[in-house]
Amino acid sequence: MRLTMVGAGYVGLVSGACFAEFGHEVVCVDREAGRIAALEAGHMPIYEPGLDAAVAEGRRTGRLSFSTELAPAVAGSDAVFIAVGTPLGADGRADLSFVHAAAAEVAAALDGFTIVILKSTVPVGTGDEVEAIIREARPQAEFAVVSNPEFLREGAAIDDFKRPDRIVVGTLDPRARAVMTEIYRPLYLQEAPTLFTDRRTAELIKYASNAFLATKITFINEMADLCEQAGANVQDVAIGLGLDHRVGRHFLQAGPGFGGSCLPKDLLALVETGERFGAPQRIARVVTEINTARKAAMAEKIRGALGGDLSGASIALLGLTFKPGTDDMREAPSLALIAALQEAGASVRAYDPQGMERTRKLTTGVTFARDAYDCAAGADVLVLVTEWEEFRALDLERLKAGLARPIVVDLRNVYSPAEMKSAGFVYASVGRPRSDAPGDSR
């Protein structure tokens, strides 16, 4: 089928490249001429494992192309995906200005029956708004507006697209359902469950999914605080929880709080949606408040490891992005941590495999290192913030030799307290006993 992807950002680019691999003809359209030129030259605007190879293959076969011109692409398409940004507005609502503008442009270019698919994360009722915009502009046009939310994890987006847990399609139009079935037909071999529902339900499924995942993260983080006070091990608690199939093991890793482009924004948008419909989303609001406080509290854990005073201390941070496998710094816990440490009088050194260039634009006064050992050199404490694979098997003797003081604060529980104690470190982690604490320090 012939598809147009409006927006060549994270969702649009990944989706377009994968659809092209399925055999569809895809045009990714973006207003930013510089981005389109870079993509045509093979340069990715984001770091996502496997994306460069998928784009290169699409370009090689001729099934994937890029353009700044929307009208020709839409006129020749069977389906048009709107995959533009929906940033959080000043009023707490998702900013739909890009979605509305895209809908108006698409309306002007429609030629024959076309389905317009909302891939962007949008509040309940946005599909109705898009339909109204198109209908007002082109009263006689033949089209259907469909909700098709994305469920892509940064760092694993290609695999998620090709092997999804589910495909959600919101439409009651039989012609649109037939087109969507054909678009996703290549995934039937993967036996991916497809849920057809009405448009508003599909829109809400996306927000409900992210809110629930954020709640799981926040719950295990609160359990970690209790474990530290009670002398228990949060990793074993998480295993015990996850073995219950009603709970599941995913998103039960204690840490410094969640970040990224989705969970924080979508939680706030869900809270606003609840208020707008007179159905307050109290759990989502509390989860947001707890997560914000947790990011700042991580500085107190570092302060405790240094005896209560951060003034003049040199802090080495390993990992800056909100998770490994991406260069995304949006709402990253490291940003709140850097601000709190600097405010307390500490100096900050940092190293991240992919996130340093973006961090330079978001912070001041941070010294960036060549690698983990360069980052640790002369520091009073090493803090592991993001669990990149290259941080999972560090040379502990070399690390200890470089540090001014053998103190490690592991906010991702990558290492074991017993191992770190044996290596001569004072070691603090999340929800587990300190390496210098009495009793079981597994």
Foldseek 3Di string as FASTA:
>chain_A
DQEEEEDCPDVSLLVQLLLLVLPAQYEYEYQPPVQQVCVVVQHHPWFAPPSSVSSVVSVVVNSYHYYNDDQVSLQPGQEYEYADAQFQDPVLATRCPSVLVVLLVSLVRHDAEHEYEYAYQHAQPVQVVSVVNSCVNPVPHHYHYKYWYDDADGLCRNVCVLQPQATEIADPDVVVVVVVCVSCVVSVVNVHHYHYHHRRVSSVVLLVVLLVLLLLLLVLLVLLVVLQVVQHFSVVVLVVQQVPVVRHNPSNFHFQAAFDDPNLSSLSNVQVSCVVVVRGPVSSVVSNVSRVVSLLCVLVVVCVLVPNALAAFEEFEEDQDLEPNIQHNGRRSNLSNCVNSVVRHYQYEYEYPRHPVVVVVVDPRYHYADDRLRRQAAGQEYEYHYPYPVPLDDPLVSSCVRHPAQEYEYRRPSDFLCVSVVSPHFYHYTSHYTNPDDDDRD
